[in-house]
Structure formats: C-alpha cells, structure tokens
C-alpha cells in the first residue's frame, strides 16, 4: 500500500480490506493496528482544528479561552491542575481548541463519515494515521517519556511533567510535530467512541499539511457517495449507532431520527 495516497473503494468488502489489511503485527503474531482513524462526511475536508475557525487571531485567543473555561467551569469539572486535562475536557464539551478527535476504531470513524444523511451527495473519507510511527518525529524529551512508560500515546499525567504548558510544548524544537493524547474518561461517550486526540506543537500548525510532509505516516480511504447507504445500514446492523456512541436520551433520539428517515 502506498502511503499518503487516497484509496477509493467501490464495495463494502473493499472498504474492510482498506481499513484492516494493515493491522497484522508480525512481532506479536496478532492483529494490532498501529493506525488511528478520523471519519469525515466530505473528502474535501482538511484537518484544521476548531480554534482555527474562530478568527484570524485565534493563536492569541487560545490561552484566554482555556483560562476562562477553567475559571467558570471549576464547580462543574474536576480534572485536576494539569492544563492537558483541562484542554481535553474543554474539547469534549465543545470549546474551540487545538485538539482533533480520533478513534482507534475504524467502525467508529465510519459512523462519523456516514451519520449525516444530508450529505450523502458527497464522497466521504477516513483519515488513517500511523500514531506509533509518528512518535519517531517527536523531540527527544517527549520520545523518552513515551519509551519510559512503554506507551505510544500520552495521557495528561504523562505529558504534564515533561511539558506543563503550551510554551513548553513548542520550546523543544522549531520544527512542528504532532503528539497523540488519550483523554480522561470524563463520561461514557469517550469510552464508547474509543477516543483520543491529536495535538500539534504549534496552535497555528495544521495536521493535514504536516502529514503531506510525512506521507509514510498516513493514507485516506475514500467512500463514494453511492456506497454510503450500504455502509450506514451495515453499521446499524453491527450496532455502531448514536444510541451506543452517545449514551443518553440525546443519542437515542439521534439514532431513532436517522434510523426511521426514508432514503
């Protein structure tokens, strides 16, 4: 498989092959994928973050957004003092941040690529990124922190001692880099979605542009619009639905509304 390429599938079988054929780990003789996934309903979407969409001076606003979130959310959230815990909680609740949502599950990514029935006139896309190999691009202090923990991704507790702030994250090297952060289990939604976040060292850095400079780390699976209904119906049969991924009455309502909408 050529890295950095778009793989256009034409059937459910080809889709499974594109998403799972890379998951064999020869060293342990098990199927253990080193990739994570992000599903979008349009193949034209890049990997810009939510904070990039709030205006031209978003880089200056980032610390103010998070500081005020911490101030006003204090009685409603108890993530501890780590800025990375607070950042993950803020992202989870919709604050514009430099984080992007990913999942370890190809099927969860497929859900997000096909959940919105209003966009079945566009080809969808699954971004697939080798998060294990991406750690080779980390600056030495962060690479060492991962190695000492025997991990491929950070938790806020792991990241805090070596990089306790945005400035510290950027100070390790001039070259931009990405790291992956597993959020605290704030609620069942994070657990059920098998979720993690990507975070660039500079708030102004865009992951899709960075990946273009590292084509060995990713590929994209393109889901033609003609295939979306079949994918959606088979995901529903496999119980990959809003009712499961968004536990609660809101998720239940979203699932029922979509499930009973006519084609």
C-alpha atoms as a PDB file:
ATOM      1  CA  UNK A   1       0.000   0.000   0.000  1.00  0.00           C
ATOM      2  CA  UNK A   2       1.404   3.392  -0.985  1.00  0.00           C
ATOM      3  CA  UNK A   3       1.434   5.777   1.964  1.00  0.00           C
ATOM      4  CA  UNK A   4      -0.097   9.221   1.618  1.00  0.00           C
ATOM      5  CA  UNK A   5      -2.387   8.034  -1.146  1.00  0.00           C
ATOM      6  CA  UNK A   6      -6.178   8.035  -1.488  1.00  0.00           C
ATOM      7  CA  UNK A   7      -7.710   4.570  -1.700  1.00  0.00           C
ATOM      8  CA  UNK A   8     -11.083   4.747  -3.435  1.00  0.00           C
ATOM      9  CA  UNK A   9     -13.246   1.732  -2.592  1.00  0.00           C
ATOM     10  CA  UNK A  10     -16.277   0.533  -4.514  1.00  0.00           C
ATOM     11  CA  UNK A  11     -17.774  -2.086  -2.171  1.00  0.00           C
ATOM     12  CA  UNK A  12     -18.185  -2.999   1.494  1.00  0.00           C
ATOM     13  CA  UNK A  13     -15.594  -5.785   1.040  1.00  0.00           C
ATOM     14  CA  UNK A  14     -13.026  -3.391  -0.424  1.00  0.00           C
ATOM     15  CA  UNK A  15     -13.717  -0.978   2.425  1.00  0.00           C
ATOM     16  CA  UNK A  16     -12.979  -3.655   5.044  1.00  0.00           C
ATOM     17  CA  UNK A  17      -9.759  -4.579   3.264  1.00  0.00           C
ATOM     18  CA  UNK A  18      -8.615  -0.953   3.085  1.00  0.00           C
ATOM     19  CA  UNK A  19      -9.260  -0.406   6.792  1.00  0.00           C
ATOM     20  CA  UNK A  20      -7.966  -3.690   8.199  1.00  0.00           C
ATOM     21  CA  UNK A  21      -5.327  -5.131   5.846  1.00  0.00           C
ATOM     22  CA  UNK A  22      -2.560  -3.114   7.530  1.00  0.00           C
ATOM     23  CA  UNK A  23      -3.330  -4.369  11.048  1.00  0.00           C
ATOM     24  CA  UNK A  24      -1.169  -7.516  11.202  1.00  0.00           C
ATOM     25  CA  UNK A  25       1.730  -7.183  13.680  1.00  0.00           C
ATOM     26  CA  UNK A  26       4.422  -9.695  12.785  1.00  0.00           C
ATOM     27  CA  UNK A  27       6.329  -9.191  16.039  1.00  0.00           C
ATOM     28  CA  UNK A  28       3.470 -10.476  18.212  1.00  0.00           C
ATOM     29  CA  UNK A  29       1.634 -12.546  15.586  1.00  0.00           C
ATOM     30  CA  UNK A  30      -1.601 -10.696  16.283  1.00  0.00           C
ATOM     31  CA  UNK A  31      -3.851  -8.223  14.511  1.00  0.00           C
ATOM     32  CA  UNK A  32      -2.947  -4.993  16.310  1.00  0.00           C
ATOM     33  CA  UNK A  33      -3.222  -1.921  14.145  1.00  0.00           C
ATOM     34  CA  UNK A  34      -0.785   0.948  14.619  1.00  0.00           C
ATOM     35  CA  UNK A  35      -3.261   3.301  12.921  1.00  0.00           C
ATOM     36  CA  UNK A  36      -5.941   5.606  14.264  1.00  0.00           C
ATOM     37  CA  UNK A  37      -8.899   6.928  12.280  1.00  0.00           C
ATOM     38  CA  UNK A  38     -10.961  10.052  11.713  1.00  0.00           C
ATOM     39  CA  UNK A  39     -14.133   9.974   9.631  1.00  0.00           C
ATOM     40  CA  UNK A  40     -15.493  12.983   7.738  1.00  0.00           C
ATOM     41  CA  UNK A  41     -18.589  13.188   5.554  1.00  0.00           C
ATOM     42  CA  UNK A  42     -16.646  15.037   2.824  1.00  0.00           C
ATOM     43  CA  UNK A  43     -13.330  14.021   1.287  1.00  0.00           C
ATOM     44  CA  UNK A  44     -12.576  17.713   0.749  1.00  0.00           C
ATOM     45  CA  UNK A  45     -12.234  18.396   4.484  1.00  0.00           C
ATOM     46  CA  UNK A  46      -8.735  19.008   5.777  1.00  0.00           C
ATOM     47  CA  UNK A  47      -7.556  18.613   9.390  1.00  0.00           C
ATOM     48  CA  UNK A  48      -7.955  22.175  10.618  1.00  0.00           C
ATOM     49  CA  UNK A  49      -8.883  22.446  14.280  1.00  0.00           C
ATOM     50  CA  UNK A  50     -11.933  24.138  15.775  1.00  0.00           C
ATOM     51  CA  UNK A  51      -9.876  27.012  17.191  1.00  0.00           C
ATOM     52  CA  UNK A  52      -8.621  27.858  13.692  1.00  0.00           C
ATOM     53  CA  UNK A  53     -12.196  28.650  12.685  1.00  0.00           C
ATOM     54  CA  UNK A  54     -12.931  31.404  15.224  1.00  0.00           C
ATOM     55  CA  UNK A  55     -10.988  34.243  13.592  1.00  0.00           C
ATOM     56  CA  UNK A  56      -7.597  35.423  12.403  1.00  0.00           C
ATOM     57  CA  UNK A  57      -6.085  35.930  15.867  1.00  0.00           C
ATOM     58  CA  UNK A  58      -7.005  32.512  17.237  1.00  0.00           C
ATOM     59  CA  UNK A  59      -3.408  31.883  18.336  1.00  0.00           C
ATOM     60  CA  UNK A  60      -3.603  34.866  20.691  1.00  0.00           C
ATOM     61  CA  UNK A  61      -7.015  33.835  21.977  1.00  0.00           C
ATOM     62  CA  UNK A  62      -6.126  30.231  22.873  1.00  0.00           C
ATOM     63  CA  UNK A  63      -4.799  30.887  26.417  1.00  0.00           C
ATOM     64  CA  UNK A  64      -7.684  33.254  27.173  1.00  0.00           C
ATOM     65  CA  UNK A  65     -10.277  30.707  26.069  1.00  0.00           C
ATOM     66  CA  UNK A  66      -8.813  27.988  28.251  1.00  0.00           C
ATOM     67  CA  UNK A  67      -8.223  30.256  31.238  1.00  0.00           C
ATOM     68  CA  UNK A  68     -11.837  31.427  31.237  1.00  0.00           C
ATOM     69  CA  UNK A  69     -13.091  27.885  30.714  1.00  0.00           C
ATOM     70  CA  UNK A  70     -11.169  26.816  33.821  1.00  0.00           C
ATOM     71  CA  UNK A  71     -12.465  29.794  35.788  1.00  0.00           C
ATOM     72  CA  UNK A  72     -16.146  29.331  35.021  1.00  0.00           C
ATOM     73  CA  UNK A  73     -16.206  25.530  34.801  1.00  0.00           C
ATOM     74  CA  UNK A  74     -14.463  24.952  38.116  1.00  0.00           C
ATOM     75  CA  UNK A  75     -17.585  23.908  40.008  1.00  0.00           C
ATOM     76  CA  UNK A  76     -18.736  21.615  37.216  1.00  0.00           C
ATOM     77  CA  UNK A  77     -15.494  19.810  36.365  1.00  0.00           C
ATOM     78  CA  UNK A  78     -12.682  18.409  38.473  1.00  0.00           C
ATOM     79  CA  UNK A  79      -9.922  17.411  36.058  1.00  0.00           C
ATOM     80  CA  UNK A  80      -7.079  18.459  38.399  1.00  0.00           C
ATOM     81  CA  UNK A  81      -4.473  21.117  37.752  1.00  0.00           C
ATOM     82  CA  UNK A  82      -2.956  19.753  34.532  1.00  0.00           C
ATOM     83  CA  UNK A  83      -3.537  22.029  31.565  1.00  0.00           C
ATOM     84  CA  UNK A  84      -3.799  18.913  29.389  1.00  0.00           C
ATOM     85  CA  UNK A  85      -6.662  17.501  31.441  1.00  0.00           C
ATOM     86  CA  UNK A  86      -8.453  20.826  31.195  1.00  0.00           C
ATOM     87  CA  UNK A  87      -7.799  21.016  27.458  1.00  0.00           C
ATOM     88  CA  UNK A  88      -9.256  17.548  26.913  1.00  0.00           C
ATOM     89  CA  UNK A  89     -12.342  18.348  28.996  1.00  0.00           C
ATOM     90  CA  UNK A  90     -12.808  21.643  27.158  1.00  0.00           C
ATOM     91  CA  UNK A  91     -12.583  19.906  23.764  1.00  0.00           C
ATOM     92  CA  UNK A  92     -15.053  17.283  24.906  1.00  0.00           C
ATOM     93  CA  UNK A  93     -17.588  19.989  25.794  1.00  0.00           C
ATOM     94  CA  UNK A  94     -17.217  21.982  22.590  1.00  0.00           C
ATOM     95  CA  UNK A  95     -14.684  24.709  23.395  1.00  0.00           C
ATOM     96  CA  UNK A  96     -12.580  25.634  20.334  1.00  0.00           C
ATOM     97  CA  UNK A  97      -9.136  24.084  20.909  1.00  0.00           C
ATOM     98  CA  UNK A  98      -6.069  22.861  19.013  1.00  0.00           C
ATOM     99  CA  UNK A  99      -7.168  19.257  19.572  1.00  0.00           C
ATOM    100  CA  UNK A 100      -8.688  16.995  16.920  1.00  0.00           C
ATOM    101  CA  UNK A 101     -10.824  13.942  17.680  1.00  0.00           C
ATOM    102  CA  UNK A 102      -9.637  10.490  16.558  1.00  0.00           C
ATOM    103  CA  UNK A 103     -10.597   6.924  17.341  1.00  0.00           C
ATOM    104  CA  UNK A 104      -8.854   3.577  17.481  1.00  0.00           C
ATOM    105  CA  UNK A 105     -11.934   2.045  15.836  1.00  0.00           C
ATOM    106  CA  UNK A 106     -12.360   2.088  12.034  1.00  0.00           C
ATOM    107  CA  UNK A 107     -16.074   1.466  12.524  1.00  0.00           C
ATOM    108  CA  UNK A 108     -16.498   4.473  14.804  1.00  0.00           C
ATOM    109  CA  UNK A 109     -14.758   6.567  12.137  1.00  0.00           C
ATOM    110  CA  UNK A 110     -17.133   5.119   9.522  1.00  0.00           C
ATOM    111  CA  UNK A 111     -20.050   6.149  11.705  1.00  0.00           C
ATOM    112  CA  UNK A 112     -18.969   9.777  11.678  1.00  0.00           C
ATOM    113  CA  UNK A 113     -18.410   9.651   7.919  1.00  0.00           C
ATOM    114  CA  UNK A 114     -21.988   8.439   7.332  1.00  0.00           C
ATOM    115  CA  UNK A 115     -24.042   9.782  10.255  1.00  0.00           C
ATOM    116  CA  UNK A 116     -25.342  12.901   8.495  1.00  0.00           C
ATOM    117  CA  UNK A 117     -27.901  11.894   5.886  1.00  0.00           C
ATOM    118  CA  UNK A 118     -27.982  15.416   4.430  1.00  0.00           C
ATOM    119  CA  UNK A 119     -24.517  14.926   2.980  1.00  0.00           C
ATOM    120  CA  UNK A 120     -24.993  11.699   1.065  1.00  0.00           C
ATOM    121  CA  UNK A 121     -24.383  13.627  -2.138  1.00  0.00           C
ATOM    122  CA  UNK A 122     -20.659  13.872  -1.322  1.00  0.00           C
ATOM    123  CA  UNK A 123     -17.903  11.289  -1.070  1.00  0.00           C
ATOM    124  CA  UNK A 124     -16.822  10.609   2.497  1.00  0.00           C
ATOM    125  CA  UNK A 125     -13.339   9.994   3.824  1.00  0.00           C
ATOM    126  CA  UNK A 126     -11.492   8.120   6.557  1.00  0.00           C
ATOM    127  CA  UNK A 127      -8.120   9.549   7.526  1.00  0.00           C
ATOM    128  CA  UNK A 128      -5.773   6.783   8.711  1.00  0.00           C
ATOM    129  CA  UNK A 129      -2.631   7.837  10.605  1.00  0.00           C
ATOM    130  CA  UNK A 130       0.149   5.645  11.974  1.00  0.00           C
ATOM    131  CA  UNK A 131       0.291   7.020  15.513  1.00  0.00           C
ATOM    132  CA  UNK A 132       3.007   4.548  16.542  1.00  0.00           C
ATOM    133  CA  UNK A 133       5.445   5.555  13.809  1.00  0.00           C
ATOM    134  CA  UNK A 134       4.608   9.233  14.256  1.00  0.00           C
ATOM    135  CA  UNK A 135       6.343   9.165  17.655  1.00  0.00           C
ATOM    136  CA  UNK A 136       9.669   8.971  15.787  1.00  0.00           C
ATOM    137  CA  UNK A 137       9.100  12.632  14.856  1.00  0.00           C
ATOM    138  CA  UNK A 138       8.779  13.748  18.479  1.00  0.00           C
ATOM    139  CA  UNK A 139      11.565  15.771  20.119  1.00  0.00           C
ATOM    140  CA  UNK A 140      13.857  13.613  22.327  1.00  0.00           C
ATOM    141  CA  UNK A 141      12.354  14.558  25.740  1.00  0.00           C
ATOM    142  CA  UNK A 142       8.866  13.507  24.619  1.00  0.00           C
ATOM    143  CA  UNK A 143      10.113  10.391  22.850  1.00  0.00           C
ATOM    144  CA  UNK A 144      11.952   9.391  26.031  1.00  0.00           C
ATOM    145  CA  UNK A 145       8.834   9.955  28.144  1.00  0.00           C
ATOM    146  CA  UNK A 146       6.863   7.575  25.937  1.00  0.00           C
ATOM    147  CA  UNK A 147       9.616   4.958  25.951  1.00  0.00           C
ATOM    148  CA  UNK A 148       9.911   5.032  29.732  1.00  0.00           C
ATOM    149  CA  UNK A 149       6.191   4.390  30.021  1.00  0.00           C
ATOM    150  CA  UNK A 150       6.247   1.724  27.287  1.00  0.00           C
ATOM    151  CA  UNK A 151       3.474   3.655  25.538  1.00  0.00           C
ATOM    152  CA  UNK A 152       2.741   5.063  22.088  1.00  0.00           C
ATOM    153  CA  UNK A 153       0.426   7.868  23.214  1.00  0.00           C
ATOM    154  CA  UNK A 154       0.409  10.329  26.062  1.00  0.00           C
ATOM    155  CA  UNK A 155      -2.025  10.743  28.888  1.00  0.00           C
ATOM    156  CA  UNK A 156      -2.254  14.141  30.613  1.00  0.00           C
ATOM    157  CA  UNK A 157      -0.420  12.667  33.605  1.00  0.00           C
ATOM    158  CA  UNK A 158       2.456  11.510  31.390  1.00  0.00           C
ATOM    159  CA  UNK A 159       2.713  14.777  29.479  1.00  0.00           C
ATOM    160  CA  UNK A 160       2.486  17.156  32.428  1.00  0.00           C
ATOM    161  CA  UNK A 161       5.956  16.550  33.985  1.00  0.00           C
ATOM    162  CA  UNK A 162       7.843  16.988  30.719  1.00  0.00           C
ATOM    163  CA  UNK A 163       5.677  19.677  29.077  1.00  0.00           C
ATOM    164  CA  UNK A 164       3.426  21.518  31.557  1.00  0.00           C
ATOM    165  CA  UNK A 165       2.339  24.306  29.177  1.00  0.00           C
ATOM    166  CA  UNK A 166       1.769  25.321  25.554  1.00  0.00           C
ATOM    167  CA  UNK A 167       5.056  27.233  25.619  1.00  0.00           C
ATOM    168  CA  UNK A 168       6.948  24.189  26.855  1.00  0.00           C
ATOM    169  CA  UNK A 169       5.433  22.063  24.101  1.00  0.00           C
ATOM    170  CA  UNK A 170       6.659  24.481  21.451  1.00  0.00           C
ATOM    171  CA  UNK A 171      10.085  25.049  23.038  1.00  0.00           C
ATOM    172  CA  UNK A 172      11.553  21.599  22.336  1.00  0.00           C
ATOM    173  CA  UNK A 173      12.248  22.287  18.658  1.00  0.00           C
ATOM    174  CA  UNK A 174      11.494  24.776  15.896  1.00  0.00           C
ATOM    175  CA  UNK A 175      10.122  22.075  13.617  1.00  0.00           C
ATOM    176  CA  UNK A 176       6.430  21.343  14.075  1.00  0.00           C
ATOM    177  CA  UNK A 177       5.345  17.936  15.353  1.00  0.00           C
ATOM    178  CA  UNK A 178       2.225  16.081  16.405  1.00  0.00           C
ATOM    179  CA  UNK A 179       1.552  14.042  19.518  1.00  0.00           C
ATOM    180  CA  UNK A 180      -1.446  11.933  20.476  1.00  0.00           C
ATOM    181  CA  UNK A 181      -3.239  12.302  23.786  1.00  0.00           C
ATOM    182  CA  UNK A 182      -5.693   9.927  25.426  1.00  0.00           C
ATOM    183  CA  UNK A 183      -8.309  11.942  27.325  1.00  0.00           C
ATOM    184  CA  UNK A 184      -9.510  11.175  30.828  1.00  0.00           C
ATOM    185  CA  UNK A 185     -12.693   9.105  30.872  1.00  0.00           C
ATOM    186  CA  UNK A 186     -14.901  12.104  31.527  1.00  0.00           C
ATOM    187  CA  UNK A 187     -18.023  10.180  30.558  1.00  0.00           C
ATOM    188  CA  UNK A 188     -19.184   7.069  28.725  1.00  0.00           C
ATOM    189  CA  UNK A 189     -19.072   8.837  25.372  1.00  0.00           C
ATOM    190  CA  UNK A 190     -15.263   8.988  25.353  1.00  0.00           C
ATOM    191  CA  UNK A 191     -15.053   5.343  26.390  1.00  0.00           C
ATOM    192  CA  UNK A 192     -17.582   4.084  23.832  1.00  0.00           C
ATOM    193  CA  UNK A 193     -16.009   6.046  20.984  1.00  0.00           C
ATOM    194  CA  UNK A 194     -12.563   4.590  21.755  1.00  0.00           C
ATOM    195  CA  UNK A 195     -11.351   8.165  21.541  1.00  0.00           C
ATOM    196  CA  UNK A 196      -8.056  10.019  21.554  1.00  0.00           C
ATOM    197  CA  UNK A 197      -6.872  13.441  20.408  1.00  0.00           C
ATOM    198  CA  UNK A 198      -4.126  14.755  18.160  1.00  0.00           C
ATOM    199  CA  UNK A 199      -2.314  17.928  19.185  1.00  0.00           C
ATOM    200  CA  UNK A 200       0.188  19.981  17.192  1.00  0.00           C
ATOM    201  CA  UNK A 201       3.128  21.625  18.914  1.00  0.00           C
ATOM    202  CA  UNK A 202       2.074  24.992  17.496  1.00  0.00           C
ATOM    203  CA  UNK A 203      -1.554  26.083  17.542  1.00  0.00           C
ATOM    204  CA  UNK A 204      -1.066  27.526  14.031  1.00  0.00           C
ATOM    205  CA  UNK A 205       0.214  24.229  12.610  1.00  0.00           C
ATOM    206  CA  UNK A 206      -2.235  22.200  10.527  1.00  0.00           C
ATOM    207  CA  UNK A 207      -2.011  18.421  10.759  1.00  0.00           C
ATOM    208  CA  UNK A 208      -3.025  17.729   7.149  1.00  0.00           C
ATOM    209  CA  UNK A 209      -0.207  19.954   5.876  1.00  0.00           C
ATOM    210  CA  UNK A 210       2.241  18.299   8.268  1.00  0.00           C
ATOM    211  CA  UNK A 211       1.173  14.858   7.050  1.00  0.00           C
ATOM    212  CA  UNK A 212       1.827  15.861   3.456  1.00  0.00           C
ATOM    213  CA  UNK A 213       5.447  16.293   4.505  1.00  0.00           C
ATOM    214  CA  UNK A 214       5.374  12.811   6.086  1.00  0.00           C
ATOM    215  CA  UNK A 215       3.444  10.704   3.536  1.00  0.00           C
ATOM    216  CA  UNK A 216       4.746   7.470   5.090  1.00  0.00           C
ATOM    217  CA  UNK A 217       2.541   8.131   8.121  1.00  0.00           C
ATOM    218  CA  UNK A 218      -0.924   8.186   6.585  1.00  0.00           C
ATOM    219  CA  UNK A 219      -3.382   7.281   3.873  1.00  0.00           C
ATOM    220  CA  UNK A 220      -7.031   8.093   3.223  1.00  0.00           C
ATOM    221  CA  UNK A 221      -9.917   5.789   2.361  1.00  0.00           C
ATOM    222  CA  UNK A 222     -12.476   7.478   0.113  1.00  0.00           C
ATOM    223  CA  UNK A 223     -16.089   6.305   0.471  1.00  0.00           C
ATOM    224  CA  UNK A 224     -18.042   7.091  -2.729  1.00  0.00           C
ATOM    225  CA  UNK A 225     -21.411   8.701  -2.133  1.00  0.00           C
ATOM    226  CA  UNK A 226     -23.069   5.715  -3.871  1.00  0.00           C
ATOM    227  CA  UNK A 227     -21.720   3.430  -1.139  1.00  0.00           C
ATOM    228  CA  UNK A 228     -22.759   5.472   1.879  1.00  0.00           C
ATOM    229  CA  UNK A 229     -26.223   3.944   2.325  1.00  0.00           C
ATOM    230  CA  UNK A 230     -24.852   0.398   2.352  1.00  0.00           C
ATOM    231  CA  UNK A 231     -22.136   1.346   4.820  1.00  0.00           C
ATOM    232  CA  UNK A 232     -24.670   3.100   7.030  1.00  0.00           C
ATOM    233  CA  UNK A 233     -27.111   0.181   7.052  1.00  0.00           C
ATOM    234  CA  UNK A 234     -24.387  -2.349   7.857  1.00  0.00           C
ATOM    235  CA  UNK A 235     -23.028  -0.178  10.658  1.00  0.00           C
ATOM    236  CA  UNK A 236     -26.529  -0.031  12.107  1.00  0.00           C
ATOM    237  CA  UNK A 237     -26.762  -3.814  11.930  1.00  0.00           C
ATOM    238  CA  UNK A 238     -23.404  -4.012  13.729  1.00  0.00           C
ATOM    239  CA  UNK A 239     -24.788  -1.712  16.471  1.00  0.00           C
ATOM    240  CA  UNK A 240     -22.427   1.171  15.632  1.00  0.00           C
ATOM    241  CA  UNK A 241     -25.025   3.882  16.219  1.00  0.00           C
ATOM    242  CA  UNK A 242     -25.646   7.118  18.086  1.00  0.00           C
ATOM    243  CA  UNK A 243     -27.503   5.130  20.747  1.00  0.00           C
ATOM    244  CA  UNK A 244     -24.242   3.363  21.614  1.00  0.00           C
ATOM    245  CA  UNK A 245     -21.686   6.087  20.870  1.00  0.00           C
ATOM    246  CA  UNK A 246     -23.623   8.896  22.582  1.00  0.00           C
ATOM    247  CA  UNK A 247     -25.152   7.198  25.627  1.00  0.00           C
ATOM    248  CA  UNK A 248     -28.234   9.003  26.891  1.00  0.00           C
ATOM    249  CA  UNK A 249     -31.509  10.330  25.588  1.00  0.00           C
ATOM    250  CA  UNK A 250     -29.920  12.682  23.050  1.00  0.00           C
ATOM    251  CA  UNK A 251     -28.011   9.856  21.387  1.00  0.00           C
ATOM    252  CA  UNK A 252     -31.098   7.655  21.456  1.00  0.00           C
ATOM    253  CA  UNK A 253     -33.136  10.398  19.760  1.00  0.00           C
ATOM    254  CA  UNK A 254     -30.469  10.983  17.103  1.00  0.00           C
ATOM    255  CA  UNK A 255     -30.361   7.295  16.292  1.00  0.00           C
ATOM    256  CA  UNK A 256     -34.143   6.923  16.064  1.00  0.00           C
ATOM    257  CA  UNK A 257     -34.493  10.024  13.884  1.00  0.00           C
ATOM    258  CA  UNK A 258     -31.879   8.805  11.427  1.00  0.00           C
ATOM    259  CA  UNK A 259     -32.952   5.163  11.533  1.00  0.00           C
ATOM    260  CA  UNK A 260     -36.537   5.984  10.578  1.00  0.00           C
ATOM    261  CA  UNK A 261     -35.726   8.603   7.941  1.00  0.00           C
ATOM    262  CA  UNK A 262     -36.655   7.410   4.453  1.00  0.00           C
ATOM    263  CA  UNK A 263     -33.934   7.134   1.828  1.00  0.00           C
END
